[in-house]
Amino acid sequence: MPLVTIHITREGASPGEDSATAEQKAELIHGVSRLLLDVLGKPMESTFVIIDEVDLENWGQGGLPVEQFRAARRSPHSG
């Protein structure tokens, strides 16, 4: 019984969206399940997929909270 956890940031793929859509999540679940079937022969009905959406304030990059990191990269004085 495969158990796959996908961590994604709580940001939408399009401007103004704050999370993945139900359709996008369904595609992720199907795609991962299909991959395990194709590569390992695991039946799709025995594969569990968990999507964990992480709020922006709960992750970082380059030693900074992600919003500060992104702001520094946009700044012409960073570097």
C-alpha atoms as a PDB file:
ATOM      1  CA  MET A   1       0.000   0.000   0.000  1.00  0.00           C
ATOM      2  CA  PRO A   2       1.879   3.104  -1.182  1.00  0.00           C
ATOM      3  CA  LEU A   3       1.383   6.296   0.791  1.00  0.00           C
ATOM      4  CA  VAL A   4       2.568   9.473  -0.907  1.00  0.00           C
ATOM      5  CA  THR A   5       2.565  12.919   0.668  1.00  0.00           C
ATOM      6  CA  ILE A   6       2.834  15.958  -1.587  1.00  0.00           C
ATOM      7  CA  HIS A   7       3.733  19.245   0.079  1.00  0.00           C
ATOM      8  CA  ILE A   8       2.748  22.317  -1.916  1.00  0.00           C
ATOM      9  CA  THR A   9       2.734  25.947  -0.925  1.00  0.00           C
ATOM     10  CA  ARG A  10      -0.622  27.562  -0.298  1.00  0.00           C
ATOM     11  CA  GLU A  11      -0.386  29.671  -3.433  1.00  0.00           C
ATOM     12  CA  GLY A  12      -2.495  29.283  -6.499  1.00  0.00           C
ATOM     13  CA  ALA A  13      -1.153  28.666  -9.950  1.00  0.00           C
ATOM     14  CA  SER A  14      -2.820  31.858 -11.151  1.00  0.00           C
ATOM     15  CA  PRO A  15      -2.671  35.383  -9.695  1.00  0.00           C
ATOM     16  CA  GLY A  16      -5.273  35.944  -7.002  1.00  0.00           C
ATOM     17  CA  GLU A  17      -5.613  32.266  -6.091  1.00  0.00           C
ATOM     18  CA  ASP A  18      -4.507  31.273  -2.617  1.00  0.00           C
ATOM     19  CA  SER A  19      -4.433  27.506  -3.080  1.00  0.00           C
ATOM     20  CA  ALA A  20      -4.498  24.769  -5.678  1.00  0.00           C
ATOM     21  CA  THR A  21      -7.939  24.123  -7.112  1.00  0.00           C
ATOM     22  CA  ALA A  22      -9.885  20.923  -6.496  1.00  0.00           C
ATOM     23  CA  GLU A  23      -9.283  20.030 -10.150  1.00  0.00           C
ATOM     24  CA  GLN A  24      -5.509  20.519  -9.807  1.00  0.00           C
ATOM     25  CA  LYS A  25      -5.459  18.383  -6.666  1.00  0.00           C
ATOM     26  CA  ALA A  26      -7.444  15.656  -8.429  1.00  0.00           C
ATOM     27  CA  GLU A  27      -4.882  15.709 -11.269  1.00  0.00           C
ATOM     28  CA  LEU A  28      -2.018  15.387  -8.784  1.00  0.00           C
ATOM     29  CA  ILE A  29      -3.700  12.443  -7.055  1.00  0.00           C
ATOM     30  CA  HIS A  30      -4.405  10.691 -10.345  1.00  0.00           C
ATOM     31  CA  GLY A  31      -0.943  11.409 -11.778  1.00  0.00           C
ATOM     32  CA  VAL A  32       0.945  10.123  -8.743  1.00  0.00           C
ATOM     33  CA  SER A  33      -1.261   7.039  -8.528  1.00  0.00           C
ATOM     34  CA  ARG A  34      -0.759   6.368 -12.229  1.00  0.00           C
ATOM     35  CA  LEU A  35       3.026   6.787 -11.890  1.00  0.00           C
ATOM     36  CA  LEU A  36       3.163   4.190  -9.113  1.00  0.00           C
ATOM     37  CA  LEU A  37       1.115   1.826 -11.261  1.00  0.00           C
ATOM     38  CA  ASP A  38       3.357   2.334 -14.294  1.00  0.00           C
ATOM     39  CA  VAL A  39       6.701   2.176 -12.476  1.00  0.00           C
ATOM     40  CA  LEU A  40       6.081  -0.232  -9.597  1.00  0.00           C
ATOM     41  CA  GLY A  41       2.939  -2.058 -10.685  1.00  0.00           C
ATOM     42  CA  LYS A  42       1.042  -0.795  -7.627  1.00  0.00           C
ATOM     43  CA  PRO A  43      -2.735  -0.858  -8.149  1.00  0.00           C
ATOM     44  CA  MET A  44      -4.214   2.633  -8.180  1.00  0.00           C
ATOM     45  CA  GLU A  45      -6.922   1.620  -5.707  1.00  0.00           C
ATOM     46  CA  SER A  46      -4.270   0.718  -3.114  1.00  0.00           C
ATOM     47  CA  THR A  47      -2.388   4.026  -3.406  1.00  0.00           C
ATOM     48  CA  PHE A  48      -3.069   6.800  -0.901  1.00  0.00           C
ATOM     49  CA  VAL A  49      -2.091  10.376  -1.772  1.00  0.00           C
ATOM     50  CA  ILE A  50      -2.082  13.162   0.800  1.00  0.00           C
ATOM     51  CA  ILE A  51      -1.764  16.779  -0.310  1.00  0.00           C
ATOM     52  CA  ASP A  52      -0.436  19.051   2.406  1.00  0.00           C
ATOM     53  CA  GLU A  53      -0.751  22.761   1.632  1.00  0.00           C
ATOM     54  CA  VAL A  54       1.774  24.843   3.535  1.00  0.00           C
ATOM     55  CA  ASP A  55       0.894  28.446   4.426  1.00  0.00           C
ATOM     56  CA  LEU A  56       3.386  31.079   3.250  1.00  0.00           C
ATOM     57  CA  GLU A  57       4.366  32.012   6.795  1.00  0.00           C
ATOM     58  CA  ASN A  58       5.315  28.379   7.485  1.00  0.00           C
ATOM     59  CA  TRP A  59       8.247  27.995   5.116  1.00  0.00           C
ATOM     60  CA  GLY A  60      11.327  29.817   4.000  1.00  0.00           C
ATOM     61  CA  GLN A  61      14.220  29.884   1.598  1.00  0.00           C
ATOM     62  CA  GLY A  62      17.782  31.125   1.843  1.00  0.00           C
ATOM     63  CA  GLY A  63      17.557  31.555   5.611  1.00  0.00           C
ATOM     64  CA  LEU A  64      14.555  33.880   5.427  1.00  0.00           C
ATOM     65  CA  PRO A  65      10.783  33.566   5.540  1.00  0.00           C
ATOM     66  CA  VAL A  66       9.792  33.138   1.899  1.00  0.00           C
ATOM     67  CA  GLU A  67       8.082  36.523   1.543  1.00  0.00           C
ATOM     68  CA  GLN A  68      11.227  38.303   2.796  1.00  0.00           C
ATOM     69  CA  PHE A  69      13.379  36.179   0.496  1.00  0.00           C
ATOM     70  CA  ARG A  70      11.237  37.072  -2.513  1.00  0.00           C
ATOM     71  CA  ALA A  71      11.225  40.769  -1.600  1.00  0.00           C
ATOM     72  CA  ALA A  72      15.028  40.759  -1.334  1.00  0.00           C
ATOM     73  CA  ARG A  73      15.330  39.122  -4.759  1.00  0.00           C
ATOM     74  CA  ARG A  74      13.051  41.774  -6.291  1.00  0.00           C
ATOM     75  CA  SER A  75      15.068  44.601  -4.727  1.00  0.00           C
ATOM     76  CA  PRO A  76      17.642  46.180  -7.066  1.00  0.00           C
ATOM     77  CA  HIS A  77      19.962  46.579  -4.050  1.00  0.00           C
ATOM     78  CA  SER A  78      20.012  42.896  -3.093  1.00  0.00           C
ATOM     79  CA  GLY A  79      22.982  40.752  -3.688  1.00  0.00           C
END
